[in-house]
Amino acid sequence: MTNRNPTEITIQILEVVNGYDDNEGIIQTTLMTKLFLNHDQMEEYLMLLIEDDLISYNSTMAKFKATEKGATFVQGYNQMDKMLKGQQI
């Protein structure tokens, strides 16, 4: 696996949270496993994403869920990434 920059990790977290089938959200351990991040890294990213209102946290169920803003952000990022990759030679 290559080194990922913070933007790539952020997008990957949002994609996993947004694409998770459970309507109630995803637990932190599952995210850590899917993204190959340790606990401290995961905590840091999750706090930033919550502060930016890109994901929400249900403390009763201890699950994370993408917000509408987070889903829109991922769509916009992926469209821009696709356009930029199309321009590369």
PDB file of N, CA and C in Angstrom:
ATOM      1  N   MET A   1       0.851  -1.178   0.000  1.00  0.00           N
ATOM      2  CA  MET A   1       0.000   0.000   0.000  1.00  0.00           C
ATOM      3  C   MET A   1       0.897   1.243   0.000  1.00  0.00           C
ATOM      4  N   THR A   2       0.550   2.193  -0.824  1.00  0.00           N
ATOM      5  CA  THR A   2       1.332   3.424  -0.892  1.00  0.00           C
ATOM      6  C   THR A   2       0.915   4.376   0.224  1.00  0.00           C
ATOM      7  N   ASN A   3       1.775   5.328   0.510  1.00  0.00           N
ATOM      8  CA  ASN A   3       1.431   6.341   1.505  1.00  0.00           C
ATOM      9  C   ASN A   3       0.308   7.208   0.970  1.00  0.00           C
ATOM     10  N   ARG A   4      -0.649   7.487   1.838  1.00  0.00           N
ATOM     11  CA  ARG A   4      -1.786   8.322   1.453  1.00  0.00           C
ATOM     12  C   ARG A   4      -1.636   9.680   2.097  1.00  0.00           C
ATOM     13  N   ASN A   5      -2.070  10.701   1.377  1.00  0.00           N
ATOM     14  CA  ASN A   5      -2.049  12.029   1.975  1.00  0.00           C
ATOM     15  C   ASN A   5      -3.350  12.221   2.765  1.00  0.00           C
ATOM     16  N   PRO A   6      -3.409  13.243   3.613  1.00  0.00           N
ATOM     17  CA  PRO A   6      -4.599  13.453   4.444  1.00  0.00           C
ATOM     18  C   PRO A   6      -5.901  13.600   3.647  1.00  0.00           C
ATOM     19  N   THR A   7      -5.823  14.198   2.472  1.00  0.00           N
ATOM     20  CA  THR A   7      -7.032  14.348   1.654  1.00  0.00           C
ATOM     21  C   THR A   7      -7.533  12.983   1.192  1.00  0.00           C
ATOM     22  N   GLU A   8      -6.629  12.127   0.763  1.00  0.00           N
ATOM     23  CA  GLU A   8      -7.023  10.789   0.320  1.00  0.00           C
ATOM     24  C   GLU A   8      -7.650   9.989   1.462  1.00  0.00           C
ATOM     25  N   ILE A   9      -7.072  10.086   2.638  1.00  0.00           N
ATOM     26  CA  ILE A   9      -7.610   9.373   3.799  1.00  0.00           C
ATOM     27  C   ILE A   9      -8.995   9.904   4.144  1.00  0.00           C
ATOM     28  N   THR A  10      -9.153  11.218   4.117  1.00  0.00           N
ATOM     29  CA  THR A  10     -10.446  11.836   4.414  1.00  0.00           C
ATOM     30  C   THR A  10     -11.512  11.348   3.436  1.00  0.00           C
ATOM     31  N   ILE A  11     -11.194  11.357   2.155  1.00  0.00           N
ATOM     32  CA  ILE A  11     -12.147  10.905   1.143  1.00  0.00           C
ATOM     33  C   ILE A  11     -12.462   9.429   1.333  1.00  0.00           C
ATOM     34  N   GLN A  12     -11.470   8.622   1.637  1.00  0.00           N
ATOM     35  CA  GLN A  12     -11.707   7.198   1.856  1.00  0.00           C
ATOM     36  C   GLN A  12     -12.634   6.969   3.044  1.00  0.00           C
ATOM     37  N   ILE A  13     -12.432   7.708   4.107  1.00  0.00           N
ATOM     38  CA  ILE A  13     -13.317   7.582   5.279  1.00  0.00           C
ATOM     39  C   ILE A  13     -14.743   7.934   4.877  1.00  0.00           C
ATOM     40  N   LEU A  14     -14.904   9.057   4.192  1.00  0.00           N
ATOM     41  CA  LEU A  14     -16.240   9.488   3.780  1.00  0.00           C
ATOM     42  C   LEU A  14     -16.892   8.479   2.833  1.00  0.00           C
ATOM     43  N   GLU A  15     -16.112   7.909   1.921  1.00  0.00           N
ATOM     44  CA  GLU A  15     -16.660   6.922   0.994  1.00  0.00           C
ATOM     45  C   GLU A  15     -17.132   5.676   1.731  1.00  0.00           C
ATOM     46  N   VAL A  16     -16.346   5.208   2.695  1.00  0.00           N
ATOM     47  CA  VAL A  16     -16.735   4.018   3.456  1.00  0.00           C
ATOM     48  C   VAL A  16     -17.978   4.307   4.297  1.00  0.00           C
ATOM     49  N   VAL A  17     -17.959   5.434   4.995  1.00  0.00           N
ATOM     50  CA  VAL A  17     -19.113   5.787   5.846  1.00  0.00           C
ATOM     51  C   VAL A  17     -20.358   5.998   4.988  1.00  0.00           C
ATOM     52  N   ASN A  18     -20.203   6.698   3.872  1.00  0.00           N
ATOM     53  CA  ASN A  18     -21.329   6.989   2.990  1.00  0.00           C
ATOM     54  C   ASN A  18     -21.859   5.728   2.308  1.00  0.00           C
ATOM     55  N   GLY A  19     -20.969   4.802   1.977  1.00  0.00           N
ATOM     56  CA  GLY A  19     -21.369   3.604   1.255  1.00  0.00           C
ATOM     57  C   GLY A  19     -21.767   2.438   2.124  1.00  0.00           C
ATOM     58  N   TYR A  20     -21.700   2.601   3.426  1.00  0.00           N
ATOM     59  CA  TYR A  20     -22.022   1.497   4.329  1.00  0.00           C
ATOM     60  C   TYR A  20     -23.511   1.225   4.291  1.00  0.00           C
ATOM     61  N   ASP A  21     -23.896  -0.035   4.179  1.00  0.00           N
ATOM     62  CA  ASP A  21     -25.294  -0.418   3.973  1.00  0.00           C
ATOM     63  C   ASP A  21     -26.189  -0.216   5.189  1.00  0.00           C
ATOM     64  N   ASP A  22     -25.632  -0.288   6.360  1.00  0.00           N
ATOM     65  CA  ASP A  22     -26.425  -0.158   7.582  1.00  0.00           C
ATOM     66  C   ASP A  22     -26.915   1.289   7.719  1.00  0.00           C
ATOM     67  N   ASN A  23     -28.208   1.480   7.709  1.00  0.00           N
ATOM     68  CA  ASN A  23     -28.791   2.832   7.807  1.00  0.00           C
ATOM     69  C   ASN A  23     -28.444   3.519   9.126  1.00  0.00           C
ATOM     70  N   GLU A  24     -28.029   2.738  10.102  1.00  0.00           N
ATOM     71  CA  GLU A  24     -27.732   3.308  11.409  1.00  0.00           C
ATOM     72  C   GLU A  24     -26.295   3.800  11.514  1.00  0.00           C
ATOM     73  N   GLY A  25     -25.430   3.428  10.576  1.00  0.00           N
ATOM     74  CA  GLY A  25     -24.054   3.888  10.588  1.00  0.00           C
ATOM     75  C   GLY A  25     -23.052   2.757  10.737  1.00  0.00           C
ATOM     76  N   ILE A  26     -21.809   3.142  10.965  1.00  0.00           N
ATOM     77  CA  ILE A  26     -20.701   2.195  11.028  1.00  0.00           C
ATOM     78  C   ILE A  26     -19.893   2.464  12.304  1.00  0.00           C
ATOM     79  N   ILE A  27     -19.405   1.412  12.922  1.00  0.00           N
ATOM     80  CA  ILE A  27     -18.626   1.592  14.145  1.00  0.00           C
ATOM     81  C   ILE A  27     -17.169   1.911  13.794  1.00  0.00           C
ATOM     82  N   GLN A  28     -16.470   2.504  14.729  1.00  0.00           N
ATOM     83  CA  GLN A  28     -15.102   2.948  14.520  1.00  0.00           C
ATOM     84  C   GLN A  28     -14.157   1.786  14.200  1.00  0.00           C
ATOM     85  N   THR A  29     -14.318   0.674  14.852  1.00  0.00           N
ATOM     86  CA  THR A  29     -13.441  -0.474  14.623  1.00  0.00           C
ATOM     87  C   THR A  29     -13.534  -0.962  13.179  1.00  0.00           C
ATOM     88  N   THR A  30     -14.723  -0.987  12.636  1.00  0.00           N
ATOM     89  CA  THR A  30     -14.902  -1.398  11.241  1.00  0.00           C
ATOM     90  C   THR A  30     -14.200  -0.424  10.312  1.00  0.00           C
ATOM     91  N   LEU A  31     -14.338   0.865  10.587  1.00  0.00           N
ATOM     92  CA  LEU A  31     -13.642   1.874   9.785  1.00  0.00           C
ATOM     93  C   LEU A  31     -12.130   1.682   9.850  1.00  0.00           C
ATOM     94  N   MET A  32     -11.607   1.486  11.032  1.00  0.00           N
ATOM     95  CA  MET A  32     -10.170   1.307  11.210  1.00  0.00           C
ATOM     96  C   MET A  32      -9.678   0.108  10.405  1.00  0.00           C
ATOM     97  N   THR A  33     -10.417  -0.975  10.442  1.00  0.00           N
ATOM     98  CA  THR A  33     -10.041  -2.192   9.738  1.00  0.00           C
ATOM     99  C   THR A  33     -10.079  -1.998   8.223  1.00  0.00           C
ATOM    100  N   LYS A  34     -11.135  -1.390   7.731  1.00  0.00           N
ATOM    101  CA  LYS A  34     -11.284  -1.186   6.288  1.00  0.00           C
ATOM    102  C   LYS A  34     -10.247  -0.217   5.728  1.00  0.00           C
ATOM    103  N   LEU A  35      -9.825   0.746   6.530  1.00  0.00           N
ATOM    104  CA  LEU A  35      -8.935   1.797   6.046  1.00  0.00           C
ATOM    105  C   LEU A  35      -7.485   1.636   6.494  1.00  0.00           C
ATOM    106  N   PHE A  36      -7.197   0.610   7.277  1.00  0.00           N
ATOM    107  CA  PHE A  36      -5.838   0.352   7.758  1.00  0.00           C
ATOM    108  C   PHE A  36      -5.267   1.563   8.504  1.00  0.00           C
ATOM    109  N   LEU A  37      -6.053   2.071   9.446  1.00  0.00           N
ATOM    110  CA  LEU A  37      -5.607   3.181  10.287  1.00  0.00           C
ATOM    111  C   LEU A  37      -5.582   2.714  11.734  1.00  0.00           C
ATOM    112  N   ASN A  38      -4.666   3.267  12.515  1.00  0.00           N
ATOM    113  CA  ASN A  38      -4.647   2.927  13.934  1.00  0.00           C
ATOM    114  C   ASN A  38      -5.653   3.812  14.682  1.00  0.00           C
ATOM    115  N   HIS A  39      -5.841   3.529  15.938  1.00  0.00           N
ATOM    116  CA  HIS A  39      -6.854   4.220  16.731  1.00  0.00           C
ATOM    117  C   HIS A  39      -6.613   5.725  16.790  1.00  0.00           C
ATOM    118  N   ASP A  40      -5.388   6.136  17.037  1.00  0.00           N
ATOM    119  CA  ASP A  40      -5.085   7.568  17.144  1.00  0.00           C
ATOM    120  C   ASP A  40      -5.331   8.293  15.830  1.00  0.00           C
ATOM    121  N   GLN A  41      -4.922   7.701  14.716  1.00  0.00           N
ATOM    122  CA  GLN A  41      -5.171   8.313  13.412  1.00  0.00           C
ATOM    123  C   GLN A  41      -6.669   8.443  13.159  1.00  0.00           C
ATOM    124  N   MET A  42      -7.391   7.372  13.438  1.00  0.00           N
ATOM    125  CA  MET A  42      -8.835   7.370  13.192  1.00  0.00           C
ATOM    126  C   MET A  42      -9.524   8.441  14.027  1.00  0.00           C
ATOM    127  N   GLU A  43      -9.155   8.546  15.291  1.00  0.00           N
ATOM    128  CA  GLU A  43      -9.744   9.553  16.183  1.00  0.00           C
ATOM    129  C   GLU A  43      -9.542  10.960  15.624  1.00  0.00           C
ATOM    130  N   GLU A  44      -8.331  11.238  15.170  1.00  0.00           N
ATOM    131  CA  GLU A  44      -8.007  12.563  14.643  1.00  0.00           C
ATOM    132  C   GLU A  44      -8.875  12.904  13.429  1.00  0.00           C
ATOM    133  N   TYR A  45      -8.970  11.979  12.496  1.00  0.00           N
ATOM    134  CA  TYR A  45      -9.769  12.232  11.292  1.00  0.00           C
ATOM    135  C   TYR A  45     -11.256  12.343  11.605  1.00  0.00           C
ATOM    136  N   LEU A  46     -11.746  11.469  12.470  1.00  0.00           N
ATOM    137  CA  LEU A  46     -13.170  11.508  12.806  1.00  0.00           C
ATOM    138  C   LEU A  46     -13.554  12.815  13.487  1.00  0.00           C
ATOM    139  N   MET A  47     -12.708  13.297  14.375  1.00  0.00           N
ATOM    140  CA  MET A  47     -13.000  14.570  15.046  1.00  0.00           C
ATOM    141  C   MET A  47     -13.072  15.721  14.034  1.00  0.00           C
ATOM    142  N   LEU A  48     -12.131  15.751  13.092  1.00  0.00           N
ATOM    143  CA  LEU A  48     -12.142  16.800  12.061  1.00  0.00           C
ATOM    144  C   LEU A  48     -13.384  16.708  11.186  1.00  0.00           C
ATOM    145  N   LEU A  49     -13.766  15.499  10.818  1.00  0.00           N
ATOM    146  CA  LEU A  49     -14.943  15.319   9.966  1.00  0.00           C
ATOM    147  C   LEU A  49     -16.235  15.696  10.692  1.00  0.00           C
ATOM    148  N   ILE A  50     -16.296  15.411  11.972  1.00  0.00           N
ATOM    149  CA  ILE A  50     -17.470  15.804  12.769  1.00  0.00           C
ATOM    150  C   ILE A  50     -17.524  17.321  12.904  1.00  0.00           C
ATOM    151  N   GLU A  51     -16.374  17.945  13.195  1.00  0.00           N
ATOM    152  CA  GLU A  51     -16.321  19.406  13.328  1.00  0.00           C
ATOM    153  C   GLU A  51     -16.742  20.110  12.037  1.00  0.00           C
ATOM    154  N   ASP A  52     -16.395  19.509  10.897  1.00  0.00           N
ATOM    155  CA  ASP A  52     -16.736  20.095   9.602  1.00  0.00           C
ATOM    156  C   ASP A  52     -18.123  19.672   9.120  1.00  0.00           C
ATOM    157  N   ASP A  53     -18.854  18.940   9.938  1.00  0.00           N
ATOM    158  CA  ASP A  53     -20.215  18.479   9.636  1.00  0.00           C
ATOM    159  C   ASP A  53     -20.265  17.596   8.384  1.00  0.00           C
ATOM    160  N   LEU A  54     -19.228  16.789   8.189  1.00  0.00           N
ATOM    161  CA  LEU A  54     -19.214  15.863   7.061  1.00  0.00           C
ATOM    162  C   LEU A  54     -19.695  14.479   7.478  1.00  0.00           C
ATOM    163  N   ILE A  55     -19.569  14.172   8.764  1.00  0.00           N
ATOM    164  CA  ILE A  55     -20.145  12.959   9.332  1.00  0.00           C
ATOM    165  C   ILE A  55     -20.803  13.319  10.662  1.00  0.00           C
ATOM    166  N   SER A  56     -21.693  12.450  11.092  1.00  0.00           N
ATOM    167  CA  SER A  56     -22.324  12.641  12.403  1.00  0.00           C
ATOM    168  C   SER A  56     -22.038  11.399  13.248  1.00  0.00           C
ATOM    169  N   TYR A  57     -22.142  11.570  14.556  1.00  0.00           N
ATOM    170  CA  TYR A  57     -21.882  10.481  15.488  1.00  0.00           C
ATOM    171  C   TYR A  57     -23.098  10.267  16.371  1.00  0.00           C
ATOM    172  N   ASN A  58     -23.576   9.039  16.401  1.00  0.00           N
ATOM    173  CA  ASN A  58     -24.678   8.663  17.272  1.00  0.00           C
ATOM    174  C   ASN A  58     -24.071   8.027  18.515  1.00  0.00           C
ATOM    175  N   SER A  59     -24.028   8.778  19.600  1.00  0.00           N
ATOM    176  CA  SER A  59     -23.367   8.293  20.814  1.00  0.00           C
ATOM    177  C   SER A  59     -24.108   7.131  21.472  1.00  0.00           C
ATOM    178  N   THR A  60     -25.397   7.035  21.287  1.00  0.00           N
ATOM    179  CA  THR A  60     -26.167   5.942  21.857  1.00  0.00           C
ATOM    180  C   THR A  60     -25.753   4.610  21.238  1.00  0.00           C
ATOM    181  N   MET A  61     -25.546   4.624  19.928  1.00  0.00           N
ATOM    182  CA  MET A  61     -25.197   3.395  19.205  1.00  0.00           C
ATOM    183  C   MET A  61     -23.702   3.312  18.887  1.00  0.00           C
ATOM    184  N   ALA A  62     -22.955   4.367  19.175  1.00  0.00           N
ATOM    185  CA  ALA A  62     -21.517   4.446  18.891  1.00  0.00           C
ATOM    186  C   ALA A  62     -21.222   4.195  17.420  1.00  0.00           C
ATOM    187  N   LYS A  63     -22.000   4.878  16.555  1.00  0.00           N
ATOM    188  CA  LYS A  63     -21.844   4.699  15.110  1.00  0.00           C
ATOM    189  C   LYS A  63     -21.726   6.042  14.409  1.00  0.00           C
ATOM    190  N   PHE A  64     -20.998   6.021  13.296  1.00  0.00           N
ATOM    191  CA  PHE A  64     -20.790   7.197  12.472  1.00  0.00           C
ATOM    192  C   PHE A  64     -21.601   7.066  11.194  1.00  0.00           C
ATOM    193  N   LYS A  65     -22.100   8.201  10.731  1.00  0.00           N
ATOM    194  CA  LYS A  65     -22.922   8.220   9.535  1.00  0.00           C
ATOM    195  C   LYS A  65     -22.580   9.468   8.733  1.00  0.00           C
ATOM    196  N   ALA A  66     -22.572   9.354   7.411  1.00  0.00           N
ATOM    197  CA  ALA A  66     -22.293  10.508   6.556  1.00  0.00           C
ATOM    198  C   ALA A  66     -23.468  11.474   6.602  1.00  0.00           C
ATOM    199  N   THR A  67     -23.166  12.752   6.617  1.00  0.00           N
ATOM    200  CA  THR A  67     -24.206  13.764   6.513  1.00  0.00           C
ATOM    201  C   THR A  67     -24.444  14.042   5.032  1.00  0.00           C
ATOM    202  N   GLU A  68     -25.475  14.797   4.736  1.00  0.00           N
ATOM    203  CA  GLU A  68     -25.738  15.187   3.350  1.00  0.00           C
ATOM    204  C   GLU A  68     -24.558  15.993   2.802  1.00  0.00           C
ATOM    205  N   LYS A  69     -24.010  16.854   3.645  1.00  0.00           N
ATOM    206  CA  LYS A  69     -22.846  17.651   3.254  1.00  0.00           C
ATOM    207  C   LYS A  69     -21.655  16.741   2.927  1.00  0.00           C
ATOM    208  N   GLY A  70     -21.461  15.693   3.707  1.00  0.00           N
ATOM    209  CA  GLY A  70     -20.372  14.753   3.466  1.00  0.00           C
ATOM    210  C   GLY A  70     -20.547  13.993   2.167  1.00  0.00           C
ATOM    211  N   ALA A  71     -21.767  13.550   1.888  1.00  0.00           N
ATOM    212  CA  ALA A  71     -22.044  12.833   0.640  1.00  0.00           C
ATOM    213  C   ALA A  71     -21.829  13.744  -0.564  1.00  0.00           C
ATOM    214  N   THR A  72     -22.266  14.994  -0.455  1.00  0.00           N
ATOM    215  CA  THR A  72     -22.071  15.965  -1.530  1.00  0.00           C
ATOM    216  C   THR A  72     -20.600  16.252  -1.747  1.00  0.00           C
ATOM    217  N   PHE A  73     -19.853  16.349  -0.662  1.00  0.00           N
ATOM    218  CA  PHE A  73     -18.417  16.596  -0.741  1.00  0.00           C
ATOM    219  C   PHE A  73     -17.707  15.479  -1.511  1.00  0.00           C
ATOM    220  N   VAL A  74     -18.045  14.227  -1.217  1.00  0.00           N
ATOM    221  CA  VAL A  74     -17.423  13.088  -1.888  1.00  0.00           C
ATOM    222  C   VAL A  74     -17.760  13.102  -3.381  1.00  0.00           C
ATOM    223  N   GLN A  75     -19.007  13.377  -3.707  1.00  0.00           N
ATOM    224  CA  GLN A  75     -19.407  13.422  -5.118  1.00  0.00           C
ATOM    225  C   GLN A  75     -18.623  14.497  -5.868  1.00  0.00           C
ATOM    226  N   GLY A  76     -18.523  15.668  -5.283  1.00  0.00           N
ATOM    227  CA  GLY A  76     -17.787  16.766  -5.910  1.00  0.00           C
ATOM    228  C   GLY A  76     -16.317  16.438  -6.068  1.00  0.00           C
ATOM    229  N   TYR A  77     -15.726  15.864  -5.038  1.00  0.00           N
ATOM    230  CA  TYR A  77     -14.311  15.492  -5.094  1.00  0.00           C
ATOM    231  C   TYR A  77     -14.067  14.470  -6.197  1.00  0.00           C
ATOM    232  N   ASN A  78     -14.928  13.447  -6.261  1.00  0.00           N
ATOM    233  CA  ASN A  78     -14.750  12.398  -7.268  1.00  0.00           C
ATOM    234  C   ASN A  78     -14.923  12.931  -8.684  1.00  0.00           C
ATOM    235  N   GLN A  79     -15.845  13.852  -8.887  1.00  0.00           N
ATOM    236  CA  GLN A  79     -16.017  14.464 -10.205  1.00  0.00           C
ATOM    237  C   GLN A  79     -14.780  15.262 -10.590  1.00  0.00           C
ATOM    238  N   MET A  80     -14.257  16.038  -9.663  1.00  0.00           N
ATOM    239  CA  MET A  80     -13.075  16.835  -9.935  1.00  0.00           C
ATOM    240  C   MET A  80     -11.863  15.931 -10.194  1.00  0.00           C
ATOM    241  N   ASP A  81     -11.710  14.891  -9.403  1.00  0.00           N
ATOM    242  CA  ASP A  81     -10.608  13.948  -9.571  1.00  0.00           C
ATOM    243  C   ASP A  81     -10.677  13.281 -10.941  1.00  0.00           C
ATOM    244  N   LYS A  82     -11.875  12.899 -11.361  1.00  0.00           N
ATOM    245  CA  LYS A  82     -12.073  12.270 -12.660  1.00  0.00           C
ATOM    246  C   LYS A  82     -11.699  13.225 -13.793  1.00  0.00           C
ATOM    247  N   MET A  83     -12.098  14.476 -13.677  1.00  0.00           N
ATOM    248  CA  MET A  83     -11.765  15.471 -14.686  1.00  0.00           C
ATOM    249  C   MET A  83     -10.258  15.684 -14.753  1.00  0.00           C
ATOM    250  N   LEU A  84      -9.610  15.807 -13.622  1.00  0.00           N
ATOM    251  CA  LEU A  84      -8.171  16.042 -13.593  1.00  0.00           C
ATOM    252  C   LEU A  84      -7.379  14.853 -14.146  1.00  0.00           C
ATOM    253  N   LYS A  85      -7.827  13.658 -13.836  1.00  0.00           N
ATOM    254  CA  LYS A  85      -7.139  12.466 -14.355  1.00  0.00           C
ATOM    255  C   LYS A  85      -7.331  12.341 -15.856  1.00  0.00           C
ATOM    256  N   GLY A  86      -8.452  12.814 -16.368  1.00  0.00           N
ATOM    257  CA  GLY A  86      -8.717  12.797 -17.801  1.00  0.00           C
ATOM    258  C   GLY A  86      -7.822  13.750 -18.569  1.00  0.00           C
ATOM    259  N   GLN A  87      -7.294  14.765 -17.888  1.00  0.00           N
ATOM    260  CA  GLN A  87      -6.443  15.748 -18.536  1.00  0.00           C
ATOM    261  C   GLN A  87      -4.973  15.344 -18.513  1.00  0.00           C
ATOM    262  N   GLN A  88      -4.636  14.320 -17.740  1.00  0.00           N
ATOM    263  CA  GLN A  88      -3.246  13.881 -17.660  1.00  0.00           C
ATOM    264  C   GLN A  88      -2.866  13.094 -18.911  1.00  0.00           C
ATOM    265  N   ILE A  89      -1.620  13.228 -19.331  1.00  0.00           N
ATOM    266  CA  ILE A  89      -1.146  12.536 -20.525  1.00  0.00           C
ATOM    267  C   ILE A  89      -0.563  11.195 -20.142  1.00  0.00           C
TER     268      ILE A  89
END
